[in-house]
């Protein structure tokens, strides 16, 4: 199903896309997932998962905010 840019429906991104979005390797994304430090994956099939784009972008923003807070406190 084609989704327009202004559509508020959740969008899924692949593991590869999530890794690109965060500048992490797939291995690190999976490690963070296992540690509960990354958004949960949505199972799509036997060996396929995806992530909710907005949850990944929120995770990225939280990392940025944390870094800025540390700099401001220094």
N, C-alpha and C. Protein backbone atom coordinates (compact mmCIF):
# COMPACT_ATOMS: atom_id res chain seq x y z
N UNK A 1 0.84 -1.18 0.00
CA UNK A 1 0.00 0.00 0.00
C UNK A 1 0.88 1.23 0.00
N UNK A 2 0.64 2.13 -0.91
CA UNK A 2 1.41 3.37 -1.00
C UNK A 2 0.92 4.35 0.05
N UNK A 3 1.87 4.98 0.75
CA UNK A 3 1.49 5.94 1.80
C UNK A 3 2.04 7.30 1.43
N UNK A 4 1.22 8.30 1.57
CA UNK A 4 1.64 9.67 1.31
C UNK A 4 2.47 10.20 2.48
N UNK A 5 3.30 11.17 2.20
CA UNK A 5 4.18 11.72 3.23
C UNK A 5 3.41 12.32 4.39
N UNK A 6 2.19 12.83 4.16
CA UNK A 6 1.43 13.45 5.23
C UNK A 6 0.51 12.46 5.93
N UNK A 7 0.58 11.20 5.58
CA UNK A 7 -0.23 10.16 6.21
C UNK A 7 0.32 9.89 7.60
N UNK A 8 -0.54 9.85 8.60
CA UNK A 8 -0.09 9.64 9.98
C UNK A 8 -0.01 8.17 10.36
N UNK A 9 -0.19 7.27 9.42
CA UNK A 9 -0.11 5.84 9.70
C UNK A 9 1.33 5.46 10.04
N UNK A 10 1.49 4.48 10.93
CA UNK A 10 2.85 4.03 11.24
C UNK A 10 3.55 3.49 10.00
N UNK A 11 4.84 3.76 9.91
CA UNK A 11 5.65 3.28 8.81
C UNK A 11 6.72 2.36 9.38
N UNK A 12 6.90 1.22 8.73
CA UNK A 12 7.92 0.28 9.15
C UNK A 12 9.18 0.46 8.33
N UNK A 13 10.33 0.27 8.98
CA UNK A 13 11.62 0.31 8.29
C UNK A 13 12.35 -0.99 8.60
N UNK A 14 13.15 -1.42 7.67
CA UNK A 14 13.90 -2.67 7.82
C UNK A 14 15.04 -2.49 8.83
N UNK A 15 15.61 -3.61 9.22
CA UNK A 15 16.78 -3.58 10.10
C UNK A 15 17.90 -2.78 9.43
N UNK A 16 18.11 -2.99 8.14
CA UNK A 16 19.15 -2.24 7.43
C UNK A 16 18.87 -0.73 7.47
N UNK A 17 17.60 -0.35 7.25
CA UNK A 17 17.25 1.06 7.28
C UNK A 17 17.43 1.64 8.69
N UNK A 18 17.03 0.89 9.71
CA UNK A 18 17.20 1.34 11.09
C UNK A 18 18.69 1.54 11.40
N UNK A 19 19.51 0.64 10.92
CA UNK A 19 20.96 0.77 11.11
C UNK A 19 21.48 2.02 10.41
N UNK A 20 21.04 2.26 9.19
CA UNK A 20 21.46 3.46 8.46
C UNK A 20 20.98 4.73 9.16
N UNK A 21 19.74 4.72 9.62
CA UNK A 21 19.17 5.90 10.29
C UNK A 21 19.96 6.27 11.54
N UNK A 22 20.46 5.28 12.25
CA UNK A 22 21.14 5.51 13.53
C UNK A 22 22.65 5.56 13.41
N UNK A 23 23.18 5.22 12.25
CA UNK A 23 24.62 5.11 12.03
C UNK A 23 25.23 3.99 12.85
N UNK A 24 24.42 3.02 13.24
CA UNK A 24 24.90 1.83 13.94
C UNK A 24 25.00 0.67 12.96
N UNK A 25 25.81 -0.29 13.29
CA UNK A 25 25.84 -1.51 12.49
C UNK A 25 24.62 -2.36 12.84
N UNK A 26 24.31 -3.31 11.98
CA UNK A 26 23.21 -4.23 12.27
C UNK A 26 23.50 -4.99 13.57
N UNK A 27 24.76 -5.35 13.78
CA UNK A 27 25.16 -6.07 14.99
C UNK A 27 24.85 -5.24 16.23
N UNK A 28 25.18 -3.95 16.20
CA UNK A 28 24.92 -3.10 17.35
C UNK A 28 23.42 -2.88 17.57
N UNK A 29 22.66 -2.72 16.50
CA UNK A 29 21.21 -2.60 16.65
C UNK A 29 20.67 -3.85 17.34
N UNK A 30 21.11 -5.02 16.88
CA UNK A 30 20.65 -6.27 17.50
C UNK A 30 21.12 -6.41 18.95
N UNK A 31 22.32 -5.96 19.24
CA UNK A 31 22.82 -6.01 20.62
C UNK A 31 21.98 -5.08 21.51
N UNK A 32 21.73 -3.87 21.03
CA UNK A 32 20.91 -2.93 21.80
C UNK A 32 19.49 -3.48 21.99
N UNK A 33 18.96 -4.12 20.97
CA UNK A 33 17.64 -4.75 21.10
C UNK A 33 17.65 -5.80 22.20
N UNK A 34 18.66 -6.64 22.19
CA UNK A 34 18.76 -7.72 23.19
C UNK A 34 18.90 -7.16 24.60
N UNK A 35 19.52 -5.99 24.72
CA UNK A 35 19.71 -5.35 26.02
C UNK A 35 18.53 -4.47 26.41
N UNK A 36 17.53 -4.36 25.54
CA UNK A 36 16.38 -3.51 25.82
C UNK A 36 16.66 -2.02 25.66
N UNK A 37 17.70 -1.70 24.88
CA UNK A 37 18.12 -0.31 24.71
C UNK A 37 17.75 0.25 23.35
N UNK A 38 16.90 -0.45 22.61
CA UNK A 38 16.48 -0.01 21.27
C UNK A 38 15.01 -0.37 21.12
N UNK A 39 14.28 0.36 20.29
CA UNK A 39 12.86 0.03 20.11
C UNK A 39 12.65 -1.43 19.71
N UNK A 40 11.54 -1.96 20.16
CA UNK A 40 11.20 -3.35 19.84
C UNK A 40 10.94 -3.52 18.36
N UNK A 41 11.27 -4.70 17.87
CA UNK A 41 11.02 -5.03 16.47
C UNK A 41 9.60 -5.55 16.31
N UNK A 42 9.07 -5.37 15.11
CA UNK A 42 7.77 -5.90 14.74
C UNK A 42 8.04 -7.12 13.87
N UNK A 43 7.65 -8.32 14.31
CA UNK A 43 7.89 -9.50 13.49
C UNK A 43 7.02 -9.48 12.24
N UNK A 44 7.64 -9.77 11.10
CA UNK A 44 6.92 -9.78 9.82
C UNK A 44 6.82 -11.18 9.24
N UNK A 45 7.66 -12.06 9.69
CA UNK A 45 7.69 -13.43 9.18
C UNK A 45 8.64 -14.25 10.01
N UNK A 46 8.96 -15.43 9.53
CA UNK A 46 9.83 -16.33 10.28
C UNK A 46 11.18 -15.70 10.61
N UNK A 47 11.78 -15.00 9.65
CA UNK A 47 13.11 -14.46 9.88
C UNK A 47 13.20 -12.98 9.50
N UNK A 48 12.08 -12.30 9.53
CA UNK A 48 12.05 -10.91 9.08
C UNK A 48 11.41 -10.04 10.16
N UNK A 49 12.09 -8.94 10.50
CA UNK A 49 11.54 -7.98 11.44
C UNK A 49 11.66 -6.58 10.83
N UNK A 50 10.90 -5.67 11.39
CA UNK A 50 10.98 -4.27 10.99
C UNK A 50 10.80 -3.43 12.25
N UNK A 51 10.99 -2.14 12.12
CA UNK A 51 10.87 -1.22 13.23
C UNK A 51 9.91 -0.10 12.84
N UNK A 52 9.20 0.42 13.82
CA UNK A 52 8.33 1.56 13.57
C UNK A 52 9.22 2.79 13.43
N UNK A 53 9.14 3.43 12.27
CA UNK A 53 10.02 4.56 11.96
C UNK A 53 9.98 5.62 13.06
N UNK A 54 8.82 5.99 13.54
CA UNK A 54 8.72 7.04 14.55
C UNK A 54 9.40 6.64 15.85
N UNK A 55 9.39 5.36 16.19
CA UNK A 55 10.07 4.91 17.41
C UNK A 55 11.58 5.01 17.25
N UNK A 56 12.07 4.72 16.05
CA UNK A 56 13.51 4.85 15.78
C UNK A 56 13.91 6.32 15.81
N UNK A 57 13.12 7.19 15.19
CA UNK A 57 13.46 8.61 15.19
C UNK A 57 13.37 9.19 16.60
N UNK A 58 12.42 8.72 17.41
CA UNK A 58 12.34 9.15 18.82
C UNK A 58 13.58 8.70 19.58
N UNK A 59 14.05 7.48 19.32
CA UNK A 59 15.25 6.95 19.96
C UNK A 59 16.45 7.82 19.59
N UNK A 60 16.56 8.18 18.32
CA UNK A 60 17.65 9.04 17.86
C UNK A 60 17.58 10.39 18.58
N UNK A 61 16.40 10.98 18.63
CA UNK A 61 16.24 12.29 19.29
C UNK A 61 16.61 12.21 20.76
N UNK A 62 16.27 11.11 21.41
CA UNK A 62 16.62 10.94 22.82
C UNK A 62 18.14 10.90 23.00
N UNK A 63 18.87 10.25 22.08
CA UNK A 63 20.33 10.23 22.15
C UNK A 63 20.89 11.64 21.97
N UNK A 64 20.32 12.41 21.03
CA UNK A 64 20.77 13.78 20.80
C UNK A 64 20.52 14.63 22.04
N UNK A 65 19.32 14.52 22.60
CA UNK A 65 18.98 15.29 23.80
C UNK A 65 19.89 14.95 24.96
N UNK A 66 20.21 13.68 25.14
CA UNK A 66 21.10 13.26 26.23
C UNK A 66 22.50 13.84 26.04
N UNK A 67 22.98 13.84 24.81
CA UNK A 67 24.31 14.41 24.54
C UNK A 67 24.33 15.90 24.81
N UNK A 68 23.27 16.59 24.41
CA UNK A 68 23.20 18.03 24.66
C UNK A 68 23.11 18.35 26.14
N UNK A 69 22.39 17.53 26.89
CA UNK A 69 22.28 17.72 28.33
C UNK A 69 23.63 17.57 29.00
N UNK A 70 24.40 16.57 28.56
CA UNK A 70 25.74 16.36 29.13
C UNK A 70 26.65 17.55 28.84
N UNK A 71 26.57 18.07 27.63
CA UNK A 71 27.40 19.23 27.28
C UNK A 71 27.00 20.45 28.07
N UNK A 72 25.71 20.64 28.27
CA UNK A 72 25.23 21.81 29.02
C UNK A 72 25.63 21.72 30.49
N UNK A 73 25.69 20.51 31.02
CA UNK A 73 26.06 20.32 32.42
C UNK A 73 27.56 20.49 32.66
N UNK A 74 28.33 20.36 31.60
CA UNK A 74 29.80 20.44 31.75
C UNK A 74 30.30 21.85 31.86
